[in-house]
Protein backbone atom coordinates (compact mmCIF):
# COMPACT_ATOMS: atom_id res chain seq x y z
CA SER A 1 -6.59 10.77 -8.69
CA ASN A 2 -3.44 9.66 -10.44
CA TYR A 3 -0.81 10.14 -7.82
CA THR A 4 1.80 8.36 -5.77
CA ILE A 5 2.10 8.12 -1.97
CA GLN A 6 5.32 7.16 -0.24
CA ALA A 7 6.37 7.05 3.41
CA ASP A 8 8.73 5.39 5.80
CA VAL A 9 7.13 2.92 8.15
CA GLN A 10 7.94 0.83 11.21
CA GLY A 11 6.02 -1.61 13.22
CA ALA A 12 6.75 -2.74 16.83
CA ILE A 13 6.04 -6.04 18.32
CA LYS A 14 4.05 -6.80 21.36
CA ASP A 15 3.16 -10.30 22.75
CA ASN A 16 4.71 -11.73 19.69
CA LYS A 17 2.29 -9.82 17.45
CA LEU A 18 2.90 -7.37 14.66
CA PRO A 19 0.41 -4.58 13.41
CA ASP A 20 -0.79 -4.04 9.93
CA ILE A 21 0.79 -0.91 8.26
CA GLY A 22 -0.44 0.80 5.10
CA LEU A 23 -0.85 3.74 2.74
CA SER A 24 -4.06 4.80 0.89
CA ALA A 25 -4.32 6.28 -2.47
CA GLN A 26 -7.58 6.93 -4.39
CA ARG A 27 -9.44 4.75 -1.87
CA TYR A 28 -7.12 1.83 -2.34
CA THR A 29 -4.75 0.59 0.48
CA LEU A 30 -1.29 -1.02 0.25
CA THR A 31 -0.88 -2.93 3.43
CA MET A 32 1.96 -4.80 5.10
CA LEU A 33 -0.05 -7.47 7.05
CA GLY A 34 1.72 -8.39 10.18
CA ALA A 35 0.24 -11.63 11.18
CA SER A 36 0.24 -13.26 7.67
CA GLN A 37 3.44 -11.57 6.65
CA GLU A 38 1.96 -10.51 3.35
CA LEU A 39 1.78 -7.39 1.18
CA GLN A 40 -1.65 -6.64 -0.05
CA ILE A 41 -3.47 -4.00 -2.42
CA ARG A 42 -7.31 -3.86 -1.76
CA THR A 43 -10.26 -1.45 -1.79
CA TRP A 44 -11.51 -2.32 1.81
CA PRO A 45 -10.47 -4.91 4.30
CA THR A 46 -14.00 -6.36 4.53
CA GLN A 47 -14.32 -6.51 0.68
CA LEU A 48 -11.47 -8.25 -1.12
CA ARG A 49 -13.24 -8.38 -4.56
CA MET A 50 -10.03 -7.11 -6.37
CA ALA A 51 -7.40 -7.68 -3.81
CA LYS A 52 -3.98 -8.92 -4.74
CA THR A 53 -1.69 -10.43 -2.17
CA GLU A 54 1.91 -11.47 -2.18
CA ALA A 55 4.08 -13.03 0.43
CA PHE A 56 6.19 -10.46 2.12
CA THR A 57 8.26 -11.12 5.19
CA TRP A 58 8.99 -8.02 7.36
CA GLU A 59 10.55 -7.45 10.73
CA PRO A 60 9.48 -5.42 13.72
CA ASP A 61 11.43 -2.43 14.85
CA LYS A 62 13.01 -1.93 11.33
CA TRP A 63 12.21 0.97 9.05
CA TYR A 64 10.86 0.32 5.71
CA THR A 65 9.79 2.56 2.71
CA MET A 66 6.35 1.95 1.24
CA LYS A 67 5.14 3.25 -2.14
CA LEU A 68 1.68 3.07 -3.73
CA GLU A 69 0.88 4.20 -7.19
CA ALA A 70 -2.75 4.73 -8.19
CA ARG A 71 -3.85 5.65 -11.86
CA VAL A 72 -6.96 5.63 -13.83
CA GLN A 73 -6.66 4.45 -17.42
CA GLN A 74 -9.18 4.97 -20.08
CA ALA A 75 -9.56 2.67 -23.04
CA ALA A 76 -10.51 3.81 -26.57
CA ASP A 77 -14.01 2.53 -25.91
CA GLY A 78 -14.31 4.88 -22.96
CA THR A 79 -14.18 2.27 -20.30
CA ARG A 80 -11.92 3.06 -17.30
CA LYS A 81 -9.89 0.96 -14.85
CA ALA A 82 -7.73 1.68 -11.78
CA VAL A 83 -4.15 0.33 -12.12
CA LEU A 84 -2.49 -0.06 -8.69
CA LYS A 85 1.11 -0.77 -7.92
CA GLY A 86 2.89 -1.22 -4.62
CA LYS A 87 6.46 -1.87 -3.30
CA VAL A 88 8.16 -1.95 0.05
CA TRP A 89 12.04 -1.92 0.66
CA ILE A 90 14.26 -1.36 3.71
CA ARG A 91 14.70 2.27 4.32
CA GLY A 92 18.03 3.63 3.07
CA GLU A 93 18.47 0.96 0.57
CA LYS A 94 18.03 1.27 -3.30
CA GLU A 95 14.40 1.32 -4.46
CA PRO A 96 13.60 -1.94 -6.28
CA ALA A 97 12.94 -1.50 -9.99
CA GLU A 98 10.01 -3.90 -10.12
CA TRP A 99 6.68 -3.49 -8.28
CA GLN A 100 5.98 -6.24 -5.76
CA VAL A 101 2.29 -6.21 -6.05
CA GLU A 102 -0.08 -4.99 -8.82
CA ALA A 103 -3.83 -4.95 -9.23
CA GLU A 104 -6.41 -3.65 -11.54
CA ASP A 105 -9.99 -2.71 -10.63
CA LEU A 106 -12.49 -2.68 -13.51
CA VAL A 107 -15.03 -0.89 -11.43
CA PRO A 108 -12.60 1.83 -10.32
CA ASN A 109 -12.44 4.44 -7.56
CA LEU A 110 -11.93 7.43 -9.81
CA GLN A 111 -10.71 9.70 -6.95
CA GLY A 112 -9.93 9.75 -3.40
CA SER A 113 -7.64 11.31 -0.87
CA PRO A 114 -4.22 10.11 0.18
CA GLY A 115 -3.88 8.76 3.63
CA LEU A 116 -2.44 6.37 6.23
CA PHE A 117 -3.81 3.05 7.27
CA GLY A 118 -2.87 1.11 10.26
CA ASN A 119 -4.27 -1.59 12.74
CA ALA A 120 -2.26 -0.93 15.85
CA ILE A 121 -4.37 -3.18 18.05
CA ASN A 122 -1.48 -5.53 18.41
CA ALA A 123 1.51 -3.14 18.44
CA GLU A 124 2.52 0.45 17.69
CA ILE A 125 3.00 1.92 14.24
CA TYR A 126 5.25 4.69 13.25
CA TYR A 127 5.39 6.84 10.03
CA ASP A 128 7.91 9.29 8.75
CA ASN A 129 8.87 11.11 5.52
CA LEU A 130 5.36 11.11 3.95
CA THR A 131 5.22 12.46 0.29
CA VAL A 132 2.41 12.54 -2.19
CA THR A 133 3.28 13.25 -5.91
CA LYS A 134 0.94 14.01 -8.66
CA ASP A 135 1.55 11.63 -11.68
CA LYS A 136 2.13 13.10 -15.15
């Protein structure tokens, strides 16, 4: 728990369709949704109970850098929540200062492995320069 995952990603196009590309942290996923051109943080694709979605236009055959931060915070009364933040930018450009999508989960996943997510049924997905950094 309490780490950031970052990777460079690229999605191809096939039959005018784009894939979904994502990173996972602590059992949460930040996904670039190809068909809907959105950026989403969620727990599982079939359960959107705490999902947050923002419009995000991305192009095929272009490299992007994705970053997902997952942290567990504990309140004075002992309750915990997961705080999730995500952003995507064109690889090689300056990282945006602001997070593009943020979500909270009041029934948090307290731990989980970092990972990659993808739905490549429509087109190929490529990953490069994967890093996982423990938050302080």
